[in-house]
Amino acid sequence: MGTASMAASMQKDTFGAQLVTKTLDYMNQNQFTGATNADYDFQTKVLSAAGIGGHLNINV
């Protein structure tokens, strides 16, 4: 696999991760107050702090 191919794959994975993150953020936000669900907020902070998000293999 060439460098350009790896870079394109990485950009695709990064875009997919950002899309999923924004979608989950939107789905876990109160429409009326704009507040984020406390459980979701805690889980995302714990997972991102542990660096788990960067090490998951979610290719389907």
N, C-alpha and C. Protein backbone atom coordinates (compact mmCIF):
# COMPACT_ATOMS: atom_id res chain seq x y z
N MET A 1 0.85 -1.18 0.00
CA MET A 1 0.00 0.00 0.00
C MET A 1 0.89 1.23 0.00
N GLY A 2 0.68 2.12 -0.95
CA GLY A 2 1.49 3.31 -1.07
C GLY A 2 1.14 4.38 -0.06
N THR A 3 2.01 5.35 0.06
CA THR A 3 1.80 6.44 1.01
C THR A 3 0.53 7.23 0.69
N ALA A 4 0.30 7.51 -0.58
CA ALA A 4 -0.89 8.27 -0.97
C ALA A 4 -2.16 7.49 -0.65
N SER A 5 -2.12 6.19 -0.87
CA SER A 5 -3.27 5.34 -0.59
C SER A 5 -3.56 5.29 0.91
N MET A 6 -2.49 5.21 1.71
CA MET A 6 -2.66 5.20 3.16
C MET A 6 -3.22 6.52 3.65
N ALA A 7 -2.76 7.62 3.09
CA ALA A 7 -3.25 8.94 3.49
C ALA A 7 -4.72 9.09 3.15
N ALA A 8 -5.12 8.62 1.97
CA ALA A 8 -6.53 8.70 1.57
C ALA A 8 -7.39 7.85 2.48
N SER A 9 -6.90 6.67 2.84
CA SER A 9 -7.63 5.79 3.75
C SER A 9 -7.79 6.43 5.12
N MET A 10 -6.72 7.07 5.58
CA MET A 10 -6.76 7.73 6.89
C MET A 10 -7.74 8.89 6.88
N GLN A 11 -7.77 9.67 5.80
CA GLN A 11 -8.71 10.78 5.69
C GLN A 11 -10.14 10.26 5.69
N LYS A 12 -10.37 9.15 5.01
CA LYS A 12 -11.70 8.55 4.96
C LYS A 12 -12.13 8.09 6.35
N ASP A 13 -11.22 7.45 7.07
CA ASP A 13 -11.52 6.99 8.43
C ASP A 13 -11.78 8.16 9.36
N THR A 14 -10.98 9.21 9.23
CA THR A 14 -11.15 10.40 10.07
C THR A 14 -12.50 11.06 9.80
N PHE A 15 -12.86 11.19 8.53
CA PHE A 15 -14.16 11.78 8.18
C PHE A 15 -15.29 10.93 8.76
N GLY A 16 -15.19 9.61 8.64
CA GLY A 16 -16.22 8.72 9.17
C GLY A 16 -16.35 8.86 10.67
N ALA A 17 -15.23 8.95 11.37
CA ALA A 17 -15.26 9.10 12.82
C ALA A 17 -15.88 10.43 13.22
N GLN A 18 -15.54 11.49 12.49
CA GLN A 18 -16.12 12.80 12.79
C GLN A 18 -17.62 12.81 12.54
N LEU A 19 -18.05 12.14 11.49
CA LEU A 19 -19.47 12.07 11.17
C LEU A 19 -20.24 11.33 12.26
N VAL A 20 -19.70 10.21 12.71
CA VAL A 20 -20.34 9.44 13.78
C VAL A 20 -20.39 10.26 15.06
N THR A 21 -19.30 10.92 15.40
CA THR A 21 -19.24 11.73 16.62
C THR A 21 -20.28 12.85 16.59
N LYS A 22 -20.35 13.58 15.49
CA LYS A 22 -21.32 14.68 15.38
C LYS A 22 -22.76 14.16 15.43
N THR A 23 -23.00 13.01 14.80
CA THR A 23 -24.34 12.42 14.81
C THR A 23 -24.74 12.03 16.22
N LEU A 24 -23.84 11.37 16.95
CA LEU A 24 -24.14 10.98 18.32
C LEU A 24 -24.30 12.20 19.22
N ASP A 25 -23.48 13.22 19.02
CA ASP A 25 -23.63 14.46 19.79
C ASP A 25 -25.02 15.05 19.57
N TYR A 26 -25.44 15.10 18.31
CA TYR A 26 -26.75 15.66 17.96
C TYR A 26 -27.88 14.83 18.58
N MET A 27 -27.76 13.51 18.51
CA MET A 27 -28.82 12.63 19.01
C MET A 27 -28.93 12.65 20.53
N ASN A 28 -27.86 13.02 21.22
CA ASN A 28 -27.85 13.02 22.68
C ASN A 28 -27.97 14.41 23.27
N GLN A 29 -28.46 15.34 22.47
CA GLN A 29 -28.63 16.71 22.93
C GLN A 29 -30.12 17.02 23.06
N ASN A 30 -30.50 17.66 24.15
CA ASN A 30 -31.88 18.06 24.36
C ASN A 30 -32.25 19.14 23.35
N GLN A 31 -33.34 18.92 22.62
CA GLN A 31 -33.77 19.86 21.58
C GLN A 31 -34.13 21.23 22.13
N PHE A 32 -34.65 21.24 23.34
CA PHE A 32 -35.18 22.48 23.89
C PHE A 32 -34.14 23.29 24.67
N THR A 33 -33.29 22.60 25.42
CA THR A 33 -32.31 23.32 26.25
C THR A 33 -30.92 23.34 25.65
N GLY A 34 -30.64 22.42 24.74
CA GLY A 34 -29.30 22.33 24.16
C GLY A 34 -28.32 21.58 25.04
N ALA A 35 -28.79 21.11 26.20
CA ALA A 35 -27.92 20.38 27.13
C ALA A 35 -27.66 18.97 26.61
N THR A 36 -26.46 18.48 26.86
CA THR A 36 -26.09 17.13 26.45
C THR A 36 -26.47 16.15 27.55
N ASN A 37 -26.94 14.98 27.16
CA ASN A 37 -27.27 13.92 28.09
C ASN A 37 -26.05 13.66 28.97
N ALA A 38 -26.22 13.68 30.30
CA ALA A 38 -25.09 13.55 31.23
C ALA A 38 -24.35 12.22 31.08
N ASP A 39 -25.09 11.12 30.89
CA ASP A 39 -24.43 9.82 30.73
C ASP A 39 -23.58 9.80 29.47
N TYR A 40 -24.11 10.31 28.39
CA TYR A 40 -23.38 10.34 27.12
C TYR A 40 -22.14 11.23 27.25
N ASP A 41 -22.30 12.37 27.87
CA ASP A 41 -21.19 13.30 28.06
C ASP A 41 -20.06 12.64 28.85
N PHE A 42 -20.41 11.95 29.93
CA PHE A 42 -19.41 11.26 30.75
C PHE A 42 -18.70 10.17 29.95
N GLN A 43 -19.47 9.37 29.23
CA GLN A 43 -18.88 8.26 28.47
C GLN A 43 -17.94 8.76 27.39
N THR A 44 -18.31 9.81 26.69
CA THR A 44 -17.43 10.31 25.63
C THR A 44 -16.16 10.91 26.20
N LYS A 45 -16.26 11.57 27.34
CA LYS A 45 -15.06 12.15 27.95
C LYS A 45 -14.13 11.06 28.46
N VAL A 46 -14.67 10.01 29.05
CA VAL A 46 -13.85 8.92 29.56
C VAL A 46 -13.19 8.17 28.40
N LEU A 47 -13.97 7.86 27.36
CA LEU A 47 -13.40 7.13 26.22
C LEU A 47 -12.36 7.95 25.48
N SER A 48 -12.61 9.23 25.28
CA SER A 48 -11.64 10.04 24.55
C SER A 48 -10.39 10.27 25.38
N ALA A 49 -10.53 10.39 26.69
CA ALA A 49 -9.37 10.57 27.56
C ALA A 49 -8.49 9.33 27.57
N ALA A 50 -9.10 8.16 27.47
CA ALA A 50 -8.34 6.91 27.46
C ALA A 50 -7.75 6.63 26.10
N GLY A 51 -8.14 7.38 25.11
CA GLY A 51 -7.62 7.17 23.77
C GLY A 51 -8.20 5.97 23.07
N ILE A 52 -9.30 5.47 23.58
CA ILE A 52 -9.90 4.26 23.01
C ILE A 52 -10.40 4.51 21.60
N GLY A 53 -10.94 5.66 21.35
CA GLY A 53 -11.50 5.95 20.04
C GLY A 53 -10.53 5.79 18.89
N GLY A 54 -9.27 6.06 19.12
CA GLY A 54 -8.28 5.95 18.06
C GLY A 54 -7.78 4.54 17.83
N HIS A 55 -8.16 3.61 18.70
CA HIS A 55 -7.64 2.25 18.60
C HIS A 55 -8.70 1.21 18.27
N LEU A 56 -9.90 1.65 17.98
CA LEU A 56 -10.95 0.71 17.63
C LEU A 56 -10.90 0.37 16.15
N ASN A 57 -11.15 -0.87 15.83
CA ASN A 57 -11.23 -1.29 14.43
C ASN A 57 -12.69 -1.56 14.15
N ILE A 58 -13.36 -0.62 13.47
CA ILE A 58 -14.79 -0.75 13.24
C ILE A 58 -15.12 -0.93 11.77
N ASN A 59 -14.17 -1.45 10.99
CA ASN A 59 -14.44 -1.70 9.57
C ASN A 59 -15.46 -2.81 9.44
N VAL A 60 -16.53 -2.52 8.72
CA VAL A 60 -17.60 -3.51 8.55
C VAL A 60 -17.64 -3.94 7.10
